PDB file of N, CA and C in Angstrom:
ATOM      1  N   MET A   1      -4.033  12.907   2.874  1.00  0.00           N
ATOM      2  CA  MET A   1      -3.446  11.784   1.805  1.00  0.00           C
ATOM      3  C   MET A   1      -4.780  11.769   0.832  1.00  0.00           C
ATOM      4  N   SER A   2      -4.468  11.678  -0.477  1.00  0.00           N
ATOM      5  CA  SER A   2      -5.413  11.521  -1.512  1.00  0.00           C
ATOM      6  C   SER A   2      -5.917  10.126  -1.735  1.00  0.00           C
ATOM      7  N   ASP A   3      -7.121  10.152  -2.429  1.00  0.00           N
ATOM      8  CA  ASP A   3      -7.788   8.875  -2.818  1.00  0.00           C
ATOM      9  C   ASP A   3      -6.945   8.053  -3.698  1.00  0.00           C
ATOM     10  N   ILE A   4      -6.058   8.713  -4.488  1.00  0.00           N
ATOM     11  CA  ILE A   4      -5.086   8.199  -5.308  1.00  0.00           C
ATOM     12  C   ILE A   4      -3.939   7.499  -4.708  1.00  0.00           C
ATOM     13  N   ALA A   5      -3.523   8.087  -3.540  1.00  0.00           N
ATOM     14  CA  ALA A   5      -2.440   7.523  -2.712  1.00  0.00           C
ATOM     15  C   ALA A   5      -3.185   6.236  -2.152  1.00  0.00           C
ATOM     16  N   ALA A   6      -4.421   6.262  -1.577  1.00  0.00           N
ATOM     17  CA  ALA A   6      -4.868   5.064  -1.121  1.00  0.00           C
ATOM     18  C   ALA A   6      -5.105   3.851  -2.047  1.00  0.00           C
ATOM     19  N   LYS A   7      -5.325   4.236  -3.402  1.00  0.00           N
ATOM     20  CA  LYS A   7      -5.426   3.232  -4.400  1.00  0.00           C
ATOM     21  C   LYS A   7      -3.970   2.727  -4.577  1.00  0.00           C
ATOM     22  N   PHE A   8      -3.054   3.456  -4.589  1.00  0.00           N
ATOM     23  CA  PHE A   8      -1.639   2.971  -4.739  1.00  0.00           C
ATOM     24  C   PHE A   8      -1.311   2.010  -3.622  1.00  0.00           C
ATOM     25  N   VAL A   9      -1.640   2.264  -2.274  1.00  0.00           N
ATOM     26  CA  VAL A   9      -1.316   1.606  -1.107  1.00  0.00           C
ATOM     27  C   VAL A   9      -2.143   0.102  -1.147  1.00  0.00           C
ATOM     28  N   TRP A  10      -3.486   0.298  -1.704  1.00  0.00           N
ATOM     29  CA  TRP A  10      -4.212  -0.932  -1.624  1.00  0.00           C
ATOM     30  C   TRP A  10      -3.748  -1.889  -2.702  1.00  0.00           C
ATOM     31  N   LYS A  11      -3.227  -1.286  -3.753  1.00  0.00           N
ATOM     32  CA  LYS A  11      -2.772  -2.075  -5.067  1.00  0.00           C
ATOM     33  C   LYS A  11      -1.360  -2.699  -4.470  1.00  0.00           C
ATOM     34  N   LEU A  12      -0.677  -2.128  -3.654  1.00  0.00           N
ATOM     35  CA  LEU A  12       0.699  -2.838  -3.225  1.00  0.00           C
ATOM     36  C   LEU A  12       0.289  -3.754  -2.204  1.00  0.00           C
ATOM     37  N   ALA A  13      -0.662  -3.591  -1.436  1.00  0.00           N
ATOM     38  CA  ALA A  13      -1.300  -4.619  -0.429  1.00  0.00           C
ATOM     39  C   ALA A  13      -1.707  -5.796  -1.227  1.00  0.00           C
ATOM     40  N   ARG A  14      -2.540  -5.671  -2.123  1.00  0.00           N
ATOM     41  CA  ARG A  14      -3.176  -6.707  -3.039  1.00  0.00           C
ATOM     42  C   ARG A  14      -2.276  -7.452  -3.842  1.00  0.00           C
ATOM     43  N   ARG A  15      -1.183  -6.740  -4.269  1.00  0.00           N
ATOM     44  CA  ARG A  15       0.086  -7.265  -5.169  1.00  0.00           C
ATOM     45  C   ARG A  15       0.951  -8.044  -4.256  1.00  0.00           C
ATOM     46  N   HIS A  16       0.974  -7.851  -3.018  1.00  0.00           N
ATOM     47  CA  HIS A  16       1.983  -8.293  -2.133  1.00  0.00           C
ATOM     48  C   HIS A  16       2.329  -9.742  -2.107  1.00  0.00           C
ATOM     49  N   SER A  17       3.319 -10.141  -2.461  1.00  0.00           N
ATOM     50  CA  SER A  17       3.838 -11.497  -2.781  1.00  0.00           C
ATOM     51  C   SER A  17       5.161 -11.842  -1.999  1.00  0.00           C
ATOM     52  N   TRP A  18       5.140 -11.870  -0.832  1.00  0.00           N
ATOM     53  CA  TRP A  18       6.440 -12.170  -0.065  1.00  0.00           C
ATOM     54  C   TRP A  18       7.382 -10.984  -0.346  1.00  0.00           C
ATOM     55  N   GLY A  19       6.707  -9.872  -0.226  1.00  0.00           N
ATOM     56  CA  GLY A  19       7.455  -8.459  -0.320  1.00  0.00           C
ATOM     57  C   GLY A  19       8.072  -8.272  -1.703  1.00  0.00           C
ATOM     58  N   SER A  20       7.639  -8.871  -2.789  1.00  0.00           N
ATOM     59  CA  SER A  20       7.978  -8.672  -4.053  1.00  0.00           C
ATOM     60  C   SER A  20       7.937  -7.289  -4.578  1.00  0.00           C
ATOM     61  N   PRO A  21       8.854  -6.710  -5.152  1.00  0.00           N
ATOM     62  CA  PRO A  21       8.666  -5.140  -5.486  1.00  0.00           C
ATOM     63  C   PRO A  21       7.830  -5.081  -6.751  1.00  0.00           C
ATOM     64  N   VAL A  22       7.274  -4.089  -7.011  1.00  0.00           N
ATOM     65  CA  VAL A  22       6.622  -3.845  -8.191  1.00  0.00           C
ATOM     66  C   VAL A  22       7.110  -2.591  -8.829  1.00  0.00           C
ATOM     67  N   PRO A  23       7.742  -2.624 -10.063  1.00  0.00           N
ATOM     68  CA  PRO A  23       8.338  -1.504 -10.821  1.00  0.00           C
ATOM     69  C   PRO A  23       7.289  -0.303 -10.703  1.00  0.00           C
ATOM     70  N   ALA A  24       7.936   1.033 -10.476  1.00  0.00           N
ATOM     71  CA  ALA A  24       7.098   2.043 -10.584  1.00  0.00           C
ATOM     72  C   ALA A  24       6.071   2.113 -11.715  1.00  0.00           C
ATOM     73  N   GLU A  25       6.584   2.188 -12.917  1.00  0.00           N
ATOM     74  CA  GLU A  25       5.772   2.144 -14.137  1.00  0.00           C
ATOM     75  C   GLU A  25       4.745   1.107 -14.158  1.00  0.00           C
ATOM     76  N   GLN A  26       4.922  -0.068 -13.776  1.00  0.00           N
ATOM     77  CA  GLN A  26       3.921  -1.227 -13.557  1.00  0.00           C
ATOM     78  C   GLN A  26       2.770  -0.779 -12.703  1.00  0.00           C
ATOM     79  N   LEU A  27       3.210  -0.331 -11.468  1.00  0.00           N
ATOM     80  CA  LEU A  27       2.542   0.130 -10.502  1.00  0.00           C
ATOM     81  C   LEU A  27       1.360   1.211 -10.925  1.00  0.00           C
ATOM     82  N   ILE A  28       2.120   2.103 -11.480  1.00  0.00           N
ATOM     83  CA  ILE A  28       1.138   3.348 -12.144  1.00  0.00           C
ATOM     84  C   ILE A  28       0.164   2.783 -13.055  1.00  0.00           C
ATOM     85  N   ARG A  29       0.650   1.878 -13.912  1.00  0.00           N
ATOM     86  CA  ARG A  29      -0.243   1.247 -15.149  1.00  0.00           C
ATOM     87  C   ARG A  29      -1.348   0.203 -14.255  1.00  0.00           C
ATOM     88  N   LEU A  30      -1.144  -0.130 -13.103  1.00  0.00           N
ATOM     89  CA  LEU A  30      -2.094  -0.936 -12.397  1.00  0.00           C
ATOM     90  C   LEU A  30      -3.178  -0.037 -11.587  1.00  0.00           C
ATOM     91  N   VAL A  31      -2.748   1.152 -11.388  1.00  0.00           N
ATOM     92  CA  VAL A  31      -3.605   2.066 -10.752  1.00  0.00           C
ATOM     93  C   VAL A  31      -4.289   3.090 -11.626  1.00  0.00           C
ATOM     94  N   ALA A  32      -3.854   3.111 -12.871  1.00  0.00           N
ATOM     95  CA  ALA A  32      -4.321   4.283 -13.916  1.00  0.00           C
ATOM     96  C   ALA A  32      -5.599   4.355 -13.993  1.00  0.00           C
ATOM     97  N   GLY A  33      -6.376   3.379 -14.515  1.00  0.00           N
ATOM     98  CA  GLY A  33      -7.927   3.724 -14.836  1.00  0.00           C
ATOM     99  C   GLY A  33      -7.872   4.833 -15.682  1.00  0.00           C
ATOM    100  N   THR A  34      -8.811   5.824 -15.319  1.00  0.00           N
ATOM    101  CA  THR A  34      -9.034   7.113 -16.202  1.00  0.00           C
ATOM    102  C   THR A  34      -8.218   8.277 -15.583  1.00  0.00           C
ATOM    103  N   GLU A  35      -7.235   7.771 -14.565  1.00  0.00           N
ATOM    104  CA  GLU A  35      -6.444   8.991 -13.916  1.00  0.00           C
ATOM    105  C   GLU A  35      -5.370   9.684 -14.751  1.00  0.00           C
ATOM    106  N   ASP A  36      -4.950  10.924 -14.459  1.00  0.00           N
ATOM    107  CA  ASP A  36      -4.123  11.513 -15.267  1.00  0.00           C
ATOM    108  C   ASP A  36      -2.698  10.966 -15.079  1.00  0.00           C
ATOM    109  N   HIS A  37      -1.879  10.489 -15.983  1.00  0.00           N
ATOM    110  CA  HIS A  37      -0.668   9.755 -15.737  1.00  0.00           C
ATOM    111  C   HIS A  37       0.390  10.666 -14.971  1.00  0.00           C
ATOM    112  N   ASP A  38       0.444  12.105 -15.307  1.00  0.00           N
ATOM    113  CA  ASP A  38       1.218  12.981 -14.502  1.00  0.00           C
ATOM    114  C   ASP A  38       0.759  13.135 -13.102  1.00  0.00           C
ATOM    115  N   GLU A  39      -0.491  13.144 -12.841  1.00  0.00           N
ATOM    116  CA  GLU A  39      -0.873  13.092 -11.490  1.00  0.00           C
ATOM    117  C   GLU A  39      -0.638  12.001 -10.646  1.00  0.00           C
ATOM    118  N   LEU A  40      -0.731  10.764 -11.425  1.00  0.00           N
ATOM    119  CA  LEU A  40      -0.474   9.514 -10.697  1.00  0.00           C
ATOM    120  C   LEU A  40       1.139   9.440 -10.288  1.00  0.00           C
ATOM    121  N   ILE A  41       2.054  10.020 -11.093  1.00  0.00           N
ATOM    122  CA  ILE A  41       3.545   9.978 -10.801  1.00  0.00           C
ATOM    123  C   ILE A  41       3.785  11.059  -9.563  1.00  0.00           C
ATOM    124  N   ARG A  42       3.118  12.079  -9.655  1.00  0.00           N
ATOM    125  CA  ARG A  42       3.266  13.025  -8.479  1.00  0.00           C
ATOM    126  C   ARG A  42       2.753  12.438  -7.176  1.00  0.00           C
ATOM    127  N   VAL A  43       1.509  11.758  -7.206  1.00  0.00           N
ATOM    128  CA  VAL A  43       1.177  11.187  -5.915  1.00  0.00           C
ATOM    129  C   VAL A  43       1.920  10.118  -5.513  1.00  0.00           C
ATOM    130  N   LEU A  44       2.432   9.294  -6.430  1.00  0.00           N
ATOM    131  CA  LEU A  44       3.438   8.124  -6.016  1.00  0.00           C
ATOM    132  C   LEU A  44       4.523   8.855  -5.523  1.00  0.00           C
ATOM    133  N   GLU A  45       5.222   9.774  -5.962  1.00  0.00           N
ATOM    134  CA  GLU A  45       6.521  10.339  -5.792  1.00  0.00           C
ATOM    135  C   GLU A  45       6.390  11.155  -4.353  1.00  0.00           C
ATOM    136  N   MET A  46       5.165  11.922  -4.307  1.00  0.00           N
ATOM    137  CA  MET A  46       5.325  13.162  -3.185  1.00  0.00           C
ATOM    138  C   MET A  46       4.395  12.414  -1.995  1.00  0.00           C
ATOM    139  N   GLU A  47       3.574  11.606  -2.139  1.00  0.00           N
ATOM    140  CA  GLU A  47       2.831  11.126  -1.062  1.00  0.00           C
ATOM    141  C   GLU A  47       3.026   9.566  -0.609  1.00  0.00           C
ATOM    142  N   VAL A  48       2.976   8.593  -1.562  1.00  0.00           N
ATOM    143  CA  VAL A  48       3.014   7.123  -1.139  1.00  0.00           C
ATOM    144  C   VAL A  48       4.535   6.891  -0.889  1.00  0.00           C
ATOM    145  N   LEU A  49       5.472   7.134  -1.500  1.00  0.00           N
ATOM    146  CA  LEU A  49       6.925   7.027  -1.264  1.00  0.00           C
ATOM    147  C   LEU A  49       7.218   7.549   0.107  1.00  0.00           C
ATOM    148  N   ASP A  50       6.560   8.596   0.449  1.00  0.00           N
ATOM    149  CA  ASP A  50       6.932   9.001   1.848  1.00  0.00           C
ATOM    150  C   ASP A  50       6.173   8.308   3.073  1.00  0.00           C
ATOM    151  N   LEU A  51       5.326   7.406   2.753  1.00  0.00           N
ATOM    152  CA  LEU A  51       4.771   6.586   3.791  1.00  0.00           C
ATOM    153  C   LEU A  51       5.870   5.783   4.603  1.00  0.00           C
ATOM    154  N   PRO A  52       5.810   5.553   5.741  1.00  0.00           N
ATOM    155  CA  PRO A  52       6.924   4.780   6.398  1.00  0.00           C
ATOM    156  C   PRO A  52       6.866   3.262   6.078  1.00  0.00           C
ATOM    157  N   PHE A  53       5.726   2.702   5.660  1.00  0.00           N
ATOM    158  CA  PHE A  53       5.622   1.326   5.369  1.00  0.00           C
ATOM    159  C   PHE A  53       5.915   0.947   4.088  1.00  0.00           C
ATOM    160  N   VAL A  54       6.090   1.943   3.136  1.00  0.00           N
ATOM    161  CA  VAL A  54       6.400   1.594   1.742  1.00  0.00           C
ATOM    162  C   VAL A  54       7.794   1.843   1.493  1.00  0.00           C
ATOM    163  N   VAL A  55       8.417   0.798   0.520  1.00  0.00           N
ATOM    164  CA  VAL A  55       9.852   0.763   0.452  1.00  0.00           C
ATOM    165  C   VAL A  55       9.994   0.920  -0.988  1.00  0.00           C
ATOM    166  N   GLN A  56      11.129   1.618  -1.607  1.00  0.00           N
ATOM    167  CA  GLN A  56      11.451   1.499  -2.994  1.00  0.00           C
ATOM    168  C   GLN A  56      12.922   1.186  -3.053  1.00  0.00           C
ATOM    169  N   THR A  57      13.238   0.116  -3.739  1.00  0.00           N
ATOM    170  CA  THR A  57      14.490  -0.243  -4.111  1.00  0.00           C
ATOM    171  C   THR A  57      14.713  -0.178  -5.577  1.00  0.00           C
ATOM    172  N   SER A  58      15.946  -0.603  -6.175  1.00  0.00           N
ATOM    173  CA  SER A  58      16.098  -0.542  -7.532  1.00  0.00           C
ATOM    174  C   SER A  58      15.110  -1.537  -8.274  1.00  0.00           C
ATOM    175  N   ASP A  59      14.589  -2.432  -7.649  1.00  0.00           N
ATOM    176  CA  ASP A  59      13.766  -3.439  -8.137  1.00  0.00           C
ATOM    177  C   ASP A  59      12.312  -2.971  -8.121  1.00  0.00           C
ATOM    178  N   GLY A  60      11.971  -2.020  -7.491  1.00  0.00           N
ATOM    179  CA  GLY A  60      10.519  -1.481  -7.456  1.00  0.00           C
ATOM    180  C   GLY A  60      10.153  -1.016  -6.130  1.00  0.00           C
ATOM    181  N   ILE A  61       8.873  -1.127  -5.906  1.00  0.00           N
ATOM    182  CA  ILE A  61       8.072  -0.610  -4.586  1.00  0.00           C
ATOM    183  C   ILE A  61       7.287  -1.703  -3.860  1.00  0.00           C
ATOM    184  N   PHE A  62       7.484  -1.648  -2.737  1.00  0.00           N
ATOM    185  CA  PHE A  62       6.694  -2.706  -1.988  1.00  0.00           C
ATOM    186  C   PHE A  62       6.315  -2.318  -0.491  1.00  0.00           C
ATOM    187  N   ILE A  63       5.599  -3.332   0.106  1.00  0.00           N
ATOM    188  CA  ILE A  63       5.397  -3.118   1.639  1.00  0.00           C
ATOM    189  C   ILE A  63       6.129  -4.259   2.121  1.00  0.00           C
ATOM    190  N   PRO A  64       7.097  -4.168   2.943  1.00  0.00           N
ATOM    191  CA  PRO A  64       7.887  -5.175   3.457  1.00  0.00           C
ATOM    192  C   PRO A  64       7.164  -6.104   4.252  1.00  0.00           C
ATOM    193  N   ASN A  65       7.674  -7.494   4.285  1.00  0.00           N
ATOM    194  CA  ASN A  65       6.931  -8.523   4.850  1.00  0.00           C
ATOM    195  C   ASN A  65       6.881  -8.388   6.336  1.00  0.00           C
ATOM    196  N   GLY A  66       7.547  -7.700   7.036  1.00  0.00           N
ATOM    197  CA  GLY A  66       7.666  -7.657   8.662  1.00  0.00           C
ATOM    198  C   GLY A  66       6.263  -7.193   9.244  1.00  0.00           C
ATOM    199  N   GLN A  67       6.013  -7.737  10.231  1.00  0.00           N
ATOM    200  CA  GLN A  67       4.630  -7.374  11.001  1.00  0.00           C
ATOM    201  C   GLN A  67       4.498  -5.863  11.295  1.00  0.00           C
ATOM    202  N   ASP A  68       5.500  -5.207  11.646  1.00  0.00           N
ATOM    203  CA  ASP A  68       5.497  -3.930  11.755  1.00  0.00           C
ATOM    204  C   ASP A  68       4.941  -2.998  10.668  1.00  0.00           C
ATOM    205  N   ALA A  69       5.502  -3.406   9.419  1.00  0.00           N
ATOM    206  CA  ALA A  69       5.033  -2.682   8.268  1.00  0.00           C
ATOM    207  C   ALA A  69       3.807  -3.027   7.927  1.00  0.00           C
ATOM    208  N   HIS A  70       3.226  -4.266   8.184  1.00  0.00           N
ATOM    209  CA  HIS A  70       1.849  -4.691   7.847  1.00  0.00           C
ATOM    210  C   HIS A  70       0.868  -4.071   8.884  1.00  0.00           C
ATOM    211  N   VAL A  71       1.328  -3.864   9.992  1.00  0.00           N
ATOM    212  CA  VAL A  71       0.283  -3.238  11.233  1.00  0.00           C
ATOM    213  C   VAL A  71       0.258  -1.634  10.645  1.00  0.00           C
ATOM    214  N   GLU A  72       1.415  -0.995  10.470  1.00  0.00           N
ATOM    215  CA  GLU A  72       1.321   0.467   9.851  1.00  0.00           C
ATOM    216  C   GLU A  72       0.464   0.578   8.514  1.00  0.00           C
ATOM    217  N   ALA A  73       0.713  -0.327   7.651  1.00  0.00           N
ATOM    218  CA  ALA A  73      -0.100  -0.293   6.485  1.00  0.00           C
ATOM    219  C   ALA A  73      -1.573  -0.497   6.877  1.00  0.00           C
ATOM    220  N   ALA A  74      -1.914  -1.525   7.610  1.00  0.00           N
ATOM    221  CA  ALA A  74      -3.368  -1.794   8.026  1.00  0.00           C
ATOM    222  C   ALA A  74      -3.978  -0.532   8.622  1.00  0.00           C
ATOM    223  N   GLU A  75      -3.257  -0.051   9.460  1.00  0.00           N
ATOM    224  CA  GLU A  75      -3.730   1.163  10.168  1.00  0.00           C
ATOM    225  C   GLU A  75      -3.914   2.216   9.355  1.00  0.00           C
ATOM    226  N   TRP A  76      -2.924   2.543   8.420  1.00  0.00           N
ATOM    227  CA  TRP A  76      -3.215   3.776   7.452  1.00  0.00           C
ATOM    228  C   TRP A  76      -4.491   3.370   6.433  1.00  0.00           C
ATOM    229  N   LEU A  77      -4.691   2.119   6.081  1.00  0.00           N
ATOM    230  CA  LEU A  77      -5.827   1.705   5.265  1.00  0.00           C
ATOM    231  C   LEU A  77      -7.130   1.965   6.036  1.00  0.00           C
ATOM    232  N   ARG A  78      -7.164   1.695   7.339  1.00  0.00           N
ATOM    233  CA  ARG A  78      -8.411   1.905   8.193  1.00  0.00           C
ATOM    234  C   ARG A  78      -8.591   3.374   8.132  1.00  0.00           C
ATOM    235  N   GLU A  79      -7.659   4.168   8.323  1.00  0.00           N
ATOM    236  CA  GLU A  79      -7.797   5.575   8.603  1.00  0.00           C
ATOM    237  C   GLU A  79      -8.174   6.383   7.136  1.00  0.00           C
ATOM    238  N   GLN A  80      -7.487   5.746   6.042  1.00  0.00           N
ATOM    239  CA  GLN A  80      -7.733   6.595   4.787  1.00  0.00           C
ATOM    240  C   GLN A  80      -8.753   5.977   3.864  1.00  0.00           C
ATOM    241  N   THR A  81      -9.110   4.830   4.144  1.00  0.00           N
ATOM    242  CA  THR A  81     -10.322   4.283   3.238  1.00  0.00           C
ATOM    243  C   THR A  81     -11.545   3.655   3.899  1.00  0.00           C
ATOM    244  N   ASP A  82     -12.348   3.251   3.148  1.00  0.00           N
ATOM    245  CA  ASP A  82     -13.563   2.665   3.731  1.00  0.00           C
ATOM    246  C   ASP A  82     -13.537   1.235   3.853  1.00  0.00           C
ATOM    247  N   LEU A  83     -12.231   0.666   3.633  1.00  0.00           N
ATOM    248  CA  LEU A  83     -11.982  -0.751   3.686  1.00  0.00           C
ATOM    249  C   LEU A  83     -12.437  -1.364   4.954  1.00  0.00           C
ATOM    250  N   ASN A  84     -13.003  -2.498   5.400  1.00  0.00           N
ATOM    251  CA  ASN A  84     -13.452  -2.773   6.617  1.00  0.00           C
ATOM    252  C   ASN A  84     -12.193  -3.830   7.223  1.00  0.00           C
ATOM    253  N   ASP A  85     -12.106  -3.962   8.300  1.00  0.00           N
ATOM    254  CA  ASP A  85     -11.130  -4.753   9.023  1.00  0.00           C
ATOM    255  C   ASP A  85     -10.689  -6.041   8.410  1.00  0.00           C
ATOM    256  N   LEU A  86     -11.885  -6.750   8.129  1.00  0.00           N
ATOM    257  CA  LEU A  86     -11.685  -8.053   7.655  1.00  0.00           C
ATOM    258  C   LEU A  86     -11.042  -8.139   6.278  1.00  0.00           C
ATOM    259  N   THR A  87     -11.305  -7.150   5.529  1.00  0.00           N
ATOM    260  CA  THR A  87     -10.741  -7.261   4.276  1.00  0.00           C
ATOM    261  C   THR A  87      -9.227  -6.786   4.331  1.00  0.00           C
ATOM    262  N   ILE A  88      -8.985  -5.953   5.059  1.00  0.00           N
ATOM    263  CA  ILE A  88      -7.680  -5.501   5.426  1.00  0.00           C
ATOM    264  C   ILE A  88      -6.716  -6.682   5.992  1.00  0.00           C
ATOM    265  N   LYS A  89      -7.416  -7.409   6.960  1.00  0.00           N
ATOM    266  CA  LYS A  89      -6.674  -8.471   7.669  1.00  0.00           C
ATOM    267  C   LYS A  89      -6.529  -9.647   6.701  1.00  0.00           C
ATOM    268  N   ALA A  90      -7.377  -9.890   5.873  1.00  0.00           N
ATOM    269  CA  ALA A  90      -7.306 -11.078   4.747  1.00  0.00           C
ATOM    270  C   ALA A  90      -6.315 -10.712   3.739  1.00  0.00           C
ATOM    271  N   THR A  91      -5.924  -9.385   3.638  1.00  0.00           N
ATOM    272  CA  THR A  91      -5.053  -8.959   2.550  1.00  0.00           C
ATOM    273  C   THR A  91      -3.424  -8.858   3.050  1.00  0.00           C
ATOM    274  N   LEU A  92      -3.376  -8.446   4.308  1.00  0.00           N
ATOM    275  CA  LEU A  92      -1.888  -8.307   4.737  1.00  0.00           C
ATOM    276  C   LEU A  92      -1.735  -9.225   5.748  1.00  0.00           C
ATOM    277  N   SER A  93      -1.040 -10.503   5.173  1.00  0.00           N
ATOM    278  CA  SER A  93      -0.904 -11.575   5.877  1.00  0.00           C
ATOM    279  C   SER A  93       0.173 -11.691   7.241  1.00  0.00           C
ATOM    280  N   ARG A  94       0.546 -10.493   7.578  1.00  0.00           N
ATOM    281  CA  ARG A  94       1.509 -10.615   8.674  1.00  0.00           C
ATOM    282  C   ARG A  94       1.047  -9.804   9.764  1.00  0.00           C
ATOM    283  N   LEU A  95      -0.337  -9.622   9.675  1.00  0.00           N
ATOM    284  CA  LEU A  95      -0.938  -8.872  10.987  1.00  0.00           C
ATOM    285  C   LEU A  95      -1.158  -9.909  12.156  1.00  0.00           C
ATOM    286  N   PRO A  96      -0.834  -9.318  13.273  1.00  0.00           N
ATOM    287  CA  PRO A  96      -1.110 -10.332  14.423  1.00  0.00           C
ATOM    288  C   PRO A  96      -2.515 -10.813  14.541  1.00  0.00           C
ATOM    289  N   ASP A  97      -2.679 -11.943  15.145  1.00  0.00           N
ATOM    290  CA  ASP A  97      -3.852 -12.470  15.077  1.00  0.00           C
ATOM    291  C   ASP A  97      -5.207 -11.703  15.807  1.00  0.00           C
ATOM    292  N   ASP A  98      -4.583 -10.879  16.710  1.00  0.00           N
ATOM    293  CA  ASP A  98      -5.579 -10.019  17.514  1.00  0.00           C
ATOM    294  C   ASP A  98      -5.779  -8.595  17.012  1.00  0.00           C
ATOM    295  N   TRP A  99      -5.141  -8.502  15.759  1.00  0.00           N
ATOM    296  CA  TRP A  99      -5.461  -7.260  15.025  1.00  0.00           C
ATOM    297  C   TRP A  99      -6.896  -6.862  14.836  1.00  0.00           C
ATOM    298  N   PRO A 100      -7.526  -5.915  14.997  1.00  0.00           N
ATOM    299  CA  PRO A 100      -7.052  -4.600  15.107  1.00  0.00           C
ATOM    300  C   PRO A 100      -6.962  -4.448  16.834  1.00  0.00           C
ATOM    301  N   GLN A 101      -7.434  -5.191  17.508  1.00  0.00           N
ATOM    302  CA  GLN A 101      -7.344  -5.222  19.056  1.00  0.00           C
ATOM    303  C   GLN A 101      -6.006  -4.965  19.650  1.00  0.00           C
ATOM    304  N   SER A 102      -4.917  -5.421  18.812  1.00  0.00           N
ATOM    305  CA  SER A 102      -3.694  -5.326  19.495  1.00  0.00           C
ATOM    306  C   SER A 102      -2.943  -3.985  19.537  1.00  0.00           C
ATOM    307  N   GLU A 103      -3.733  -3.016  18.965  1.00  0.00           N
ATOM    308  CA  GLU A 103      -3.156  -1.627  18.823  1.00  0.00           C
ATOM    309  C   GLU A 103      -2.645  -1.083  20.189  1.00  0.00           C
TER     310      GLU A 103
END
């Protein structure tokens, strides 16, 4: 998984508001920085949307509110980024109290 995919997942986790979808174009703008727009679209479509905890509907893209999705997202972030457990846990509100020990 690419660093760009990790940026998308982290942005979805940070923008998480009761599972509210973020339209794809808005999500790309939020992640853009100095990245190539075409590359961002490719990563979103080919990598991020294939993740089991990321959902796309006609309203946008999001991480669902369920605990299972949050645990999957948290574990993915632990493996793919340098984020510490406390930061991840503070961001994904549906994690079990004993996460990450509950694995």
